[in-house]
């Protein structure tokens, strides 16, 4: 009987330690959820390198495919300068939908 009482006391002590650590664990879990939420935030635009990685093609090929599809690319650089170009996600999804093959 003493063994059972001792085991219950040990279990109770472990349970108290577990309860004491819960606020810290909850904070860790919340900060992890915030990071995951920001990482999975919806993007309305994609850059040319992101599209190239998504389609597994070279960047110049991305430009030609966008031009063939008649998609307007947003450019943030002054006229005649190099700049970061972005493309609306809806246009990318439409191109992908058109290129899907039925099996």
PDB file of N, CA and C in Angstrom:
ATOM      1  N   UNK A   1       0.812  -1.180   0.000  1.00  0.00           N
ATOM      2  CA  UNK A   1       0.000   0.000   0.000  1.00  0.00           C
ATOM      3  C   UNK A   1       0.864   1.255   0.000  1.00  0.00           C
ATOM      4  N   UNK A   2       1.975   1.217   0.672  1.00  0.00           N
ATOM      5  CA  UNK A   2       2.872   2.361   0.680  1.00  0.00           C
ATOM      6  C   UNK A   2       3.405   2.651  -0.718  1.00  0.00           C
ATOM      7  N   UNK A   3       3.637   1.605  -1.503  1.00  0.00           N
ATOM      8  CA  UNK A   3       4.132   1.781  -2.870  1.00  0.00           C
ATOM      9  C   UNK A   3       3.109   2.529  -3.706  1.00  0.00           C
ATOM     10  N   UNK A   4       1.830   2.167  -3.559  1.00  0.00           N
ATOM     11  CA  UNK A   4       0.794   2.849  -4.327  1.00  0.00           C
ATOM     12  C   UNK A   4       0.690   4.309  -3.904  1.00  0.00           C
ATOM     13  N   UNK A   5       0.764   4.566  -2.628  1.00  0.00           N
ATOM     14  CA  UNK A   5       0.681   5.937  -2.130  1.00  0.00           C
ATOM     15  C   UNK A   5       1.859   6.751  -2.651  1.00  0.00           C
ATOM     16  N   UNK A   6       3.020   6.162  -2.692  1.00  0.00           N
ATOM     17  CA  UNK A   6       4.199   6.845  -3.176  1.00  0.00           C
ATOM     18  C   UNK A   6       4.067   7.146  -4.670  1.00  0.00           C
ATOM     19  N   UNK A   7       3.553   6.160  -5.426  1.00  0.00           N
ATOM     20  CA  UNK A   7       3.378   6.371  -6.855  1.00  0.00           C
ATOM     21  C   UNK A   7       2.364   7.481  -7.120  1.00  0.00           C
ATOM     22  N   UNK A   8       1.290   7.516  -6.339  1.00  0.00           N
ATOM     23  CA  UNK A   8       0.300   8.571  -6.531  1.00  0.00           C
ATOM     24  C   UNK A   8       0.884   9.943  -6.207  1.00  0.00           C
ATOM     25  N   UNK A   9       1.710  10.001  -5.179  1.00  0.00           N
ATOM     26  CA  UNK A   9       2.344  11.264  -4.829  1.00  0.00           C
ATOM     27  C   UNK A   9       3.283  11.727  -5.933  1.00  0.00           C
ATOM     28  N   UNK A  10       4.054  10.783  -6.491  1.00  0.00           N
ATOM     29  CA  UNK A  10       4.946  11.134  -7.604  1.00  0.00           C
ATOM     30  C   UNK A  10       4.147  11.598  -8.812  1.00  0.00           C
ATOM     31  N   UNK A  11       3.078  10.899  -9.084  1.00  0.00           N
ATOM     32  CA  UNK A  11       2.248  11.281 -10.226  1.00  0.00           C
ATOM     33  C   UNK A  11       1.632  12.657  -9.999  1.00  0.00           C
ATOM     34  N   UNK A  12       1.204  12.914  -8.766  1.00  0.00           N
ATOM     35  CA  UNK A  12       0.617  14.213  -8.450  1.00  0.00           C
ATOM     36  C   UNK A  12       1.657  15.325  -8.592  1.00  0.00           C
ATOM     37  N   UNK A  13       2.875  15.076  -8.140  1.00  0.00           N
ATOM     38  CA  UNK A  13       3.952  16.063  -8.273  1.00  0.00           C
ATOM     39  C   UNK A  13       4.258  16.333  -9.748  1.00  0.00           C
ATOM     40  N   UNK A  14       4.310  15.284 -10.553  1.00  0.00           N
ATOM     41  CA  UNK A  14       4.564  15.458 -11.983  1.00  0.00           C
ATOM     42  C   UNK A  14       3.432  16.244 -12.644  1.00  0.00           C
ATOM     43  N   UNK A  15       2.217  15.972 -12.180  1.00  0.00           N
ATOM     44  CA  UNK A  15       1.067  16.684 -12.725  1.00  0.00           C
ATOM     45  C   UNK A  15       1.144  18.169 -12.390  1.00  0.00           C
ATOM     46  N   UNK A  16       1.561  18.500 -11.179  1.00  0.00           N
ATOM     47  CA  UNK A  16       1.711  19.900 -10.786  1.00  0.00           C
ATOM     48  C   UNK A  16       2.795  20.593 -11.606  1.00  0.00           C
ATOM     49  N   UNK A  17       3.882  19.897 -11.873  1.00  0.00           N
ATOM     50  CA  UNK A  17       4.949  20.460 -12.709  1.00  0.00           C
ATOM     51  C   UNK A  17       4.412  20.705 -14.120  1.00  0.00           C
ATOM     52  N   UNK A  18       3.634  19.754 -14.618  1.00  0.00           N
ATOM     53  CA  UNK A  18       3.028  19.893 -15.949  1.00  0.00           C
ATOM     54  C   UNK A  18       2.094  21.103 -15.995  1.00  0.00           C
ATOM     55  N   UNK A  19       1.260  21.270 -14.972  1.00  0.00           N
ATOM     56  CA  UNK A  19       0.347  22.411 -14.926  1.00  0.00           C
ATOM     57  C   UNK A  19       1.103  23.731 -14.844  1.00  0.00           C
ATOM     58  N   UNK A  20       2.206  23.741 -14.120  1.00  0.00           N
ATOM     59  CA  UNK A  20       2.992  24.966 -13.993  1.00  0.00           C
ATOM     60  C   UNK A  20       3.617  25.359 -15.336  1.00  0.00           C
ATOM     61  N   UNK A  21       3.919  24.369 -16.176  1.00  0.00           N
ATOM     62  CA  UNK A  21       4.561  24.648 -17.469  1.00  0.00           C
ATOM     63  C   UNK A  21       3.556  24.994 -18.561  1.00  0.00           C
ATOM     64  N   UNK A  22       2.269  24.833 -18.315  1.00  0.00           N
ATOM     65  CA  UNK A  22       1.263  25.078 -19.353  1.00  0.00           C
ATOM     66  C   UNK A  22       1.248  26.513 -19.890  1.00  0.00           C
ATOM     67  N   UNK A  23       1.313  27.550 -19.068  1.00  0.00           N
ATOM     68  CA  UNK A  23       1.300  28.904 -19.640  1.00  0.00           C
ATOM     69  C   UNK A  23       2.457  29.154 -20.603  1.00  0.00           C
ATOM     70  N   UNK A  24       3.638  28.650 -20.279  1.00  0.00           N
ATOM     71  CA  UNK A  24       4.788  28.823 -21.170  1.00  0.00           C
ATOM     72  C   UNK A  24       4.559  28.070 -22.473  1.00  0.00           C
ATOM     73  N   UNK A  25       4.019  26.864 -22.390  1.00  0.00           N
ATOM     74  CA  UNK A  25       3.730  26.091 -23.599  1.00  0.00           C
ATOM     75  C   UNK A  25       2.669  26.773 -24.450  1.00  0.00           C
ATOM     76  N   UNK A  26       1.665  27.335 -23.809  1.00  0.00           N
ATOM     77  CA  UNK A  26       0.611  28.028 -24.555  1.00  0.00           C
ATOM     78  C   UNK A  26       1.189  29.228 -25.297  1.00  0.00           C
ATOM     79  N   UNK A  27       2.094  29.946 -24.657  1.00  0.00           N
ATOM     80  CA  UNK A  27       2.732  31.096 -25.314  1.00  0.00           C
ATOM     81  C   UNK A  27       3.562  30.642 -26.508  1.00  0.00           C
ATOM     82  N   UNK A  28       4.296  29.538 -26.343  1.00  0.00           N
ATOM     83  CA  UNK A  28       5.075  28.992 -27.456  1.00  0.00           C
ATOM     84  C   UNK A  28       4.175  28.590 -28.609  1.00  0.00           C
ATOM     85  N   UNK A  29       3.076  27.947 -28.282  1.00  0.00           N
ATOM     86  CA  UNK A  29       2.159  27.484 -29.322  1.00  0.00           C
ATOM     87  C   UNK A  29       1.526  28.673 -30.038  1.00  0.00           C
ATOM     88  N   UNK A  30       1.186  29.725 -29.292  1.00  0.00           N
ATOM     89  CA  UNK A  30       0.595  30.905 -29.924  1.00  0.00           C
ATOM     90  C   UNK A  30       1.591  31.596 -30.832  1.00  0.00           C
ATOM     91  N   UNK A  31       2.837  31.728 -30.400  1.00  0.00           N
ATOM     92  CA  UNK A  31       3.837  32.380 -31.248  1.00  0.00           C
ATOM     93  C   UNK A  31       4.090  31.539 -32.489  1.00  0.00           C
ATOM     94  N   UNK A  32       4.051  30.217 -32.358  1.00  0.00           N
ATOM     95  CA  UNK A  32       4.196  29.339 -33.521  1.00  0.00           C
ATOM     96  C   UNK A  32       3.019  29.476 -34.461  1.00  0.00           C
ATOM     97  N   UNK A  33       1.827  29.636 -33.912  1.00  0.00           N
ATOM     98  CA  UNK A  33       0.636  29.798 -34.753  1.00  0.00           C
ATOM     99  C   UNK A  33       0.681  31.123 -35.498  1.00  0.00           C
ATOM    100  N   UNK A  34       1.192  32.167 -34.847  1.00  0.00           N
ATOM    101  CA  UNK A  34       1.302  33.469 -35.503  1.00  0.00           C
ATOM    102  C   UNK A  34       2.300  33.383 -36.653  1.00  0.00           C
ATOM    103  N   UNK A  35       3.427  32.687 -36.430  1.00  0.00           N
ATOM    104  CA  UNK A  35       4.416  32.520 -37.494  1.00  0.00           C
ATOM    105  C   UNK A  35       3.829  31.727 -38.652  1.00  0.00           C
ATOM    106  N   UNK A  36       3.114  30.654 -38.344  1.00  0.00           N
ATOM    107  CA  UNK A  36       2.514  29.842 -39.401  1.00  0.00           C
ATOM    108  C   UNK A  36       1.457  30.644 -40.142  1.00  0.00           C
ATOM    109  N   UNK A  37       0.704  31.466 -39.425  1.00  0.00           N
ATOM    110  CA  UNK A  37      -0.338  32.270 -40.068  1.00  0.00           C
ATOM    111  C   UNK A  37       0.274  33.306 -40.995  1.00  0.00           C
ATOM    112  N   UNK A  38       1.355  33.948 -40.567  1.00  0.00           N
ATOM    113  CA  UNK A  38       1.984  34.948 -41.425  1.00  0.00           C
ATOM    114  C   UNK A  38       2.654  34.291 -42.620  1.00  0.00           C
ATOM    115  N   UNK A  39       3.173  33.070 -42.443  1.00  0.00           N
ATOM    116  CA  UNK A  39       3.810  32.372 -43.560  1.00  0.00           C
ATOM    117  C   UNK A  39       2.779  31.929 -44.580  1.00  0.00           C
ATOM    118  N   UNK A  40       1.578  31.619 -44.128  1.00  0.00           N
ATOM    119  CA  UNK A  40       0.557  31.156 -45.055  1.00  0.00           C
ATOM    120  C   UNK A  40      -0.402  32.277 -45.445  1.00  0.00           C
ATOM    121  N   UNK A  41       0.018  33.507 -45.226  1.00  0.00           N
ATOM    122  CA  UNK A  41      -0.837  34.636 -45.589  1.00  0.00           C
ATOM    123  C   UNK A  41      -1.093  34.627 -47.092  1.00  0.00           C
ATOM    124  N   UNK A  42      -2.300  34.997 -47.467  1.00  0.00           N
ATOM    125  CA  UNK A  42      -2.684  34.964 -48.874  1.00  0.00           C
ATOM    126  C   UNK A  42      -1.905  36.016 -49.646  1.00  0.00           C
ATOM    127  N   UNK A  43      -1.347  35.601 -50.773  1.00  0.00           N
ATOM    128  CA  UNK A  43      -0.627  36.519 -51.628  1.00  0.00           C
ATOM    129  C   UNK A  43      -1.489  36.816 -52.839  1.00  0.00           C
ATOM    130  N   UNK A  44      -1.626  38.085 -53.158  1.00  0.00           N
ATOM    131  CA  UNK A  44      -2.419  38.467 -54.318  1.00  0.00           C
ATOM    132  C   UNK A  44      -1.568  38.637 -55.565  1.00  0.00           C
ATOM    133  N   UNK A  45      -0.250  38.701 -55.390  1.00  0.00           N
ATOM    134  CA  UNK A  45       0.658  38.895 -56.508  1.00  0.00           C
ATOM    135  C   UNK A  45       1.849  37.961 -56.357  1.00  0.00           C
ATOM    136  N   UNK A  46       2.437  37.574 -57.485  1.00  0.00           N
ATOM    137  CA  UNK A  46       3.650  36.763 -57.486  1.00  0.00           C
ATOM    138  C   UNK A  46       4.724  37.484 -58.285  1.00  0.00           C
ATOM    139  N   UNK A  47       5.973  37.312 -57.886  1.00  0.00           N
ATOM    140  CA  UNK A  47       7.079  37.881 -58.637  1.00  0.00           C
ATOM    141  C   UNK A  47       7.452  36.921 -59.758  1.00  0.00           C
ATOM    142  N   UNK A  48       8.247  37.410 -60.697  1.00  0.00           N
ATOM    143  CA  UNK A  48       8.666  36.582 -61.826  1.00  0.00           C
ATOM    144  C   UNK A  48       9.480  35.369 -61.350  1.00  0.00           C
ATOM    145  N   UNK A  49      10.447  35.524 -60.422  1.00  0.00           N
ATOM    146  CA  UNK A  49      11.164  34.334 -59.935  1.00  0.00           C
ATOM    147  C   UNK A  49      10.244  33.321 -59.240  1.00  0.00           C
ATOM    148  N   UNK A  50       9.225  33.803 -58.522  1.00  0.00           N
ATOM    149  CA  UNK A  50       8.275  32.880 -57.874  1.00  0.00           C
ATOM    150  C   UNK A  50       7.481  32.098 -58.917  1.00  0.00           C
ATOM    151  N   UNK A  51       7.091  32.769 -59.992  1.00  0.00           N
ATOM    152  CA  UNK A  51       6.351  32.082 -61.056  1.00  0.00           C
ATOM    153  C   UNK A  51       7.256  31.067 -61.740  1.00  0.00           C
ATOM    154  N   UNK A  52       8.521  31.450 -61.973  1.00  0.00           N
ATOM    155  CA  UNK A  52       9.468  30.530 -62.611  1.00  0.00           C
ATOM    156  C   UNK A  52       9.658  29.280 -61.758  1.00  0.00           C
ATOM    157  N   UNK A  53       9.757  29.451 -60.458  1.00  0.00           N
ATOM    158  CA  UNK A  53       9.902  28.293 -59.568  1.00  0.00           C
ATOM    159  C   UNK A  53       8.625  27.470 -59.547  1.00  0.00           C
ATOM    160  N   UNK A  54       7.489  28.133 -59.575  1.00  0.00           N
ATOM    161  CA  UNK A  54       6.196  27.439 -59.548  1.00  0.00           C
ATOM    162  C   UNK A  54       5.981  26.613 -60.803  1.00  0.00           C
ATOM    163  N   UNK A  55       6.351  27.167 -61.961  1.00  0.00           N
ATOM    164  CA  UNK A  55       6.155  26.473 -63.234  1.00  0.00           C
ATOM    165  C   UNK A  55       7.369  25.649 -63.646  1.00  0.00           C
ATOM    166  N   UNK A  56       8.459  25.757 -62.897  1.00  0.00           N
ATOM    167  CA  UNK A  56       9.713  25.043 -63.181  1.00  0.00           C
ATOM    168  C   UNK A  56      10.250  25.370 -64.575  1.00  0.00           C
ATOM    169  N   UNK A  57      10.292  26.653 -64.872  1.00  0.00           N
ATOM    170  CA  UNK A  57      10.840  27.121 -66.142  1.00  0.00           C
ATOM    171  C   UNK A  57      11.764  28.302 -65.870  1.00  0.00           C
ATOM    172  N   UNK A  58      12.497  28.730 -66.893  1.00  0.00           N
ATOM    173  CA  UNK A  58      13.410  29.863 -66.751  1.00  0.00           C
ATOM    174  C   UNK A  58      12.638  31.183 -66.751  1.00  0.00           C
ATOM    175  N   UNK A  59      13.245  32.212 -66.171  1.00  0.00           N
ATOM    176  CA  UNK A  59      12.587  33.514 -66.106  1.00  0.00           C
ATOM    177  C   UNK A  59      12.235  34.086 -67.478  1.00  0.00           C
ATOM    178  N   UNK A  60      13.146  34.010 -68.481  1.00  0.00           N
ATOM    179  CA  UNK A  60      12.761  34.545 -69.791  1.00  0.00           C
ATOM    180  C   UNK A  60      11.536  33.844 -70.389  1.00  0.00           C
ATOM    181  N   UNK A  61      11.397  32.560 -70.105  1.00  0.00           N
ATOM    182  CA  UNK A  61      10.236  31.821 -70.586  1.00  0.00           C
ATOM    183  C   UNK A  61       8.963  32.318 -69.904  1.00  0.00           C
ATOM    184  N   UNK A  62       9.071  32.701 -68.638  1.00  0.00           N
ATOM    185  CA  UNK A  62       7.917  33.258 -67.922  1.00  0.00           C
ATOM    186  C   UNK A  62       7.457  34.529 -68.614  1.00  0.00           C
ATOM    187  N   UNK A  63       8.416  35.391 -68.954  1.00  0.00           N
ATOM    188  CA  UNK A  63       8.056  36.640 -69.637  1.00  0.00           C
ATOM    189  C   UNK A  63       7.340  36.366 -70.953  1.00  0.00           C
ATOM    190  N   UNK A  64       7.849  35.403 -71.730  1.00  0.00           N
ATOM    191  CA  UNK A  64       7.220  35.129 -73.029  1.00  0.00           C
ATOM    192  C   UNK A  64       5.833  34.517 -72.853  1.00  0.00           C
ATOM    193  N   UNK A  65       5.669  33.649 -71.865  1.00  0.00           N
ATOM    194  CA  UNK A  65       4.339  33.061 -71.641  1.00  0.00           C
ATOM    195  C   UNK A  65       3.339  34.106 -71.165  1.00  0.00           C
ATOM    196  N   UNK A  66       3.784  35.016 -70.318  1.00  0.00           N
ATOM    197  CA  UNK A  66       2.891  36.079 -69.871  1.00  0.00           C
ATOM    198  C   UNK A  66       2.518  36.995 -71.038  1.00  0.00           C
ATOM    199  N   UNK A  67       3.479  37.272 -71.897  1.00  0.00           N
ATOM    200  CA  UNK A  67       3.216  38.118 -73.056  1.00  0.00           C
ATOM    201  C   UNK A  67       2.238  37.427 -74.007  1.00  0.00           C
ATOM    202  N   UNK A  68       2.428  36.121 -74.239  1.00  0.00           N
ATOM    203  CA  UNK A  68       1.516  35.364 -75.107  1.00  0.00           C
ATOM    204  C   UNK A  68       0.098  35.338 -74.544  1.00  0.00           C
ATOM    205  N   UNK A  69      -0.010  35.300 -73.228  1.00  0.00           N
ATOM    206  CA  UNK A  69      -1.327  35.256 -72.594  1.00  0.00           C
ATOM    207  C   UNK A  69      -1.952  36.639 -72.498  1.00  0.00           C
ATOM    208  N   UNK A  70      -1.177  37.681 -72.768  1.00  0.00           N
ATOM    209  CA  UNK A  70      -1.700  39.033 -72.708  1.00  0.00           C
ATOM    210  C   UNK A  70      -1.877  39.556 -71.292  1.00  0.00           C
ATOM    211  N   UNK A  71      -1.088  39.053 -70.381  1.00  0.00           N
ATOM    212  CA  UNK A  71      -1.189  39.454 -68.983  1.00  0.00           C
ATOM    213  C   UNK A  71      -0.412  40.748 -68.770  1.00  0.00           C
ATOM    214  N   UNK A  72      -1.010  41.668 -68.030  1.00  0.00           N
ATOM    215  CA  UNK A  72      -0.323  42.918 -67.697  1.00  0.00           C
ATOM    216  C   UNK A  72       0.513  42.702 -66.443  1.00  0.00           C
ATOM    217  N   UNK A  73       1.771  43.078 -66.529  1.00  0.00           N
ATOM    218  CA  UNK A  73       2.714  42.932 -65.428  1.00  0.00           C
ATOM    219  C   UNK A  73       2.905  44.290 -64.770  1.00  0.00           C
ATOM    220  N   UNK A  74       2.836  44.327 -63.452  1.00  0.00           N
ATOM    221  CA  UNK A  74       3.056  45.578 -62.720  1.00  0.00           C
ATOM    222  C   UNK A  74       4.551  45.760 -62.484  1.00  0.00           C
ATOM    223  N   UNK A  75       5.051  46.931 -62.845  1.00  0.00           N
ATOM    224  CA  UNK A  75       6.469  47.228 -62.693  1.00  0.00           C
ATOM    225  C   UNK A  75       6.606  48.460 -61.806  1.00  0.00           C
ATOM    226  N   UNK A  76       7.420  48.365 -60.775  1.00  0.00           N
ATOM    227  CA  UNK A  76       7.566  49.461 -59.822  1.00  0.00           C
ATOM    228  C   UNK A  76       8.761  50.350 -60.114  1.00  0.00           C
ATOM    229  N   UNK A  77       9.470  50.086 -61.186  1.00  0.00           N
ATOM    230  CA  UNK A  77      10.659  50.876 -61.515  1.00  0.00           C
ATOM    231  C   UNK A  77      10.270  52.072 -62.377  1.00  0.00           C
ATOM    232  N   UNK A  78      11.089  53.116 -62.353  1.00  0.00           N
ATOM    233  CA  UNK A  78      10.861  54.216 -63.287  1.00  0.00           C
ATOM    234  C   UNK A  78      11.024  53.722 -64.724  1.00  0.00           C
ATOM    235  N   UNK A  79      10.421  54.408 -65.644  1.00  0.00           N
ATOM    236  CA  UNK A  79      10.438  53.976 -67.040  1.00  0.00           C
ATOM    237  C   UNK A  79      11.882  53.826 -67.533  1.00  0.00           C
ATOM    238  N   UNK A  80      12.154  52.686 -68.162  1.00  0.00           N
ATOM    239  CA  UNK A  80      13.475  52.409 -68.704  1.00  0.00           C
ATOM    240  C   UNK A  80      14.456  51.832 -67.706  1.00  0.00           C
ATOM    241  N   UNK A  81      14.049  51.635 -66.474  1.00  0.00           N
ATOM    242  CA  UNK A  81      14.936  51.089 -65.445  1.00  0.00           C
ATOM    243  C   UNK A  81      14.504  49.685 -65.070  1.00  0.00           C
ATOM    244  N   UNK A  82      15.442  48.939 -64.503  1.00  0.00           N
ATOM    245  CA  UNK A  82      15.108  47.617 -63.992  1.00  0.00           C
ATOM    246  C   UNK A  82      14.333  47.769 -62.698  1.00  0.00           C
ATOM    247  N   UNK A  83      13.413  46.871 -62.492  1.00  0.00           N
ATOM    248  CA  UNK A  83      12.649  46.947 -61.259  1.00  0.00           C
ATOM    249  C   UNK A  83      11.987  45.622 -60.960  1.00  0.00           C
ATOM    250  N   UNK A  84      11.407  45.563 -59.816  1.00  0.00           N
ATOM    251  CA  UNK A  84      10.695  44.354 -59.406  1.00  0.00           C
ATOM    252  C   UNK A  84       9.337  44.329 -60.078  1.00  0.00           C
ATOM    253  N   UNK A  85       9.065  43.237 -60.759  1.00  0.00           N
ATOM    254  CA  UNK A  85       7.807  43.101 -61.473  1.00  0.00           C
ATOM    255  C   UNK A  85       6.939  42.066 -60.748  1.00  0.00           C
ATOM    256  N   UNK A  86       5.653  42.356 -60.663  1.00  0.00           N
ATOM    257  CA  UNK A  86       4.728  41.414 -60.040  1.00  0.00           C
ATOM    258  C   UNK A  86       3.548  41.180 -60.975  1.00  0.00           C
ATOM    259  N   UNK A  87       2.939  40.012 -60.806  1.00  0.00           N
ATOM    260  CA  UNK A  87       1.831  39.596 -61.655  1.00  0.00           C
ATOM    261  C   UNK A  87       0.672  39.195 -60.745  1.00  0.00           C
ATOM    262  N   UNK A  88      -0.556  39.602 -61.070  1.00  0.00           N
ATOM    263  CA  UNK A  88      -1.704  39.215 -60.245  1.00  0.00           C
ATOM    264  C   UNK A  88      -1.866  37.689 -60.202  1.00  0.00           C
ATOM    265  N   UNK A  89      -2.151  37.177 -59.025  1.00  0.00           N
ATOM    266  CA  UNK A  89      -2.300  35.739 -58.846  1.00  0.00           C
ATOM    267  C   UNK A  89      -3.457  35.193 -59.675  1.00  0.00           C
ATOM    268  N   UNK A  90      -4.515  35.964 -59.826  1.00  0.00           N
ATOM    269  CA  UNK A  90      -5.655  35.517 -60.632  1.00  0.00           C
ATOM    270  C   UNK A  90      -5.259  35.237 -62.069  1.00  0.00           C
ATOM    271  N   UNK A  91      -4.380  36.062 -62.633  1.00  0.00           N
ATOM    272  CA  UNK A  91      -3.919  35.846 -64.007  1.00  0.00           C
ATOM    273  C   UNK A  91      -3.093  34.566 -64.097  1.00  0.00           C
ATOM    274  N   UNK A  92      -2.264  34.317 -63.095  1.00  0.00           N
ATOM    275  CA  UNK A  92      -1.450  33.099 -63.074  1.00  0.00           C
ATOM    276  C   UNK A  92      -2.340  31.870 -62.989  1.00  0.00           C
ATOM    277  N   UNK A  93      -3.335  31.921 -62.123  1.00  0.00           N
ATOM    278  CA  UNK A  93      -4.249  30.780 -61.973  1.00  0.00           C
ATOM    279  C   UNK A  93      -5.032  30.540 -63.253  1.00  0.00           C
ATOM    280  N   UNK A  94      -5.398  31.603 -63.957  1.00  0.00           N
ATOM    281  CA  UNK A  94      -6.124  31.460 -65.218  1.00  0.00           C
ATOM    282  C   UNK A  94      -5.241  30.796 -66.281  1.00  0.00           C
ATOM    283  N   UNK A  95      -3.985  31.193 -66.370  1.00  0.00           N
ATOM    284  CA  UNK A  95      -3.057  30.558 -67.313  1.00  0.00           C
ATOM    285  C   UNK A  95      -2.886  29.086 -66.968  1.00  0.00           C
ATOM    286  N   UNK A  96      -2.731  28.782 -65.682  1.00  0.00           N
ATOM    287  CA  UNK A  96      -2.575  27.390 -65.261  1.00  0.00           C
ATOM    288  C   UNK A  96      -3.829  26.586 -65.573  1.00  0.00           C
ATOM    289  N   UNK A  97      -5.005  27.187 -65.389  1.00  0.00           N
ATOM    290  CA  UNK A  97      -6.248  26.483 -65.669  1.00  0.00           C
ATOM    291  C   UNK A  97      -6.358  26.167 -67.164  1.00  0.00           C
ATOM    292  N   UNK A  98      -5.950  27.102 -68.007  1.00  0.00           N
ATOM    293  CA  UNK A  98      -6.018  26.887 -69.450  1.00  0.00           C
ATOM    294  C   UNK A  98      -5.056  25.811 -69.910  1.00  0.00           C
ATOM    295  N   UNK A  99      -3.955  25.647 -69.204  1.00  0.00           N
ATOM    296  CA  UNK A  99      -2.944  24.681 -69.612  1.00  0.00           C
ATOM    297  C   UNK A  99      -3.162  23.294 -69.024  1.00  0.00           C
ATOM    298  N   UNK A 100      -4.167  23.146 -68.185  1.00  0.00           N
ATOM    299  CA  UNK A 100      -4.463  21.827 -67.631  1.00  0.00           C
ATOM    300  C   UNK A 100      -4.956  20.903 -68.728  1.00  0.00           C
ATOM    301  N   UNK A 101      -4.587  19.630 -68.622  1.00  0.00           N
ATOM    302  CA  UNK A 101      -5.021  18.640 -69.603  1.00  0.00           C
ATOM    303  C   UNK A 101      -6.000  17.692 -68.927  1.00  0.00           C
ATOM    304  N   UNK A 102      -7.045  17.356 -69.626  1.00  0.00           N
ATOM    305  CA  UNK A 102      -7.992  16.368 -69.100  1.00  0.00           C
ATOM    306  C   UNK A 102      -7.463  14.978 -69.363  1.00  0.00           C
ATOM    307  N   UNK A 103      -7.623  14.127 -68.399  1.00  0.00           N
ATOM    308  CA  UNK A 103      -7.183  12.734 -68.553  1.00  0.00           C
ATOM    309  C   UNK A 103      -8.368  11.849 -68.872  1.00  0.00           C
TER     310      UNK A 103
END
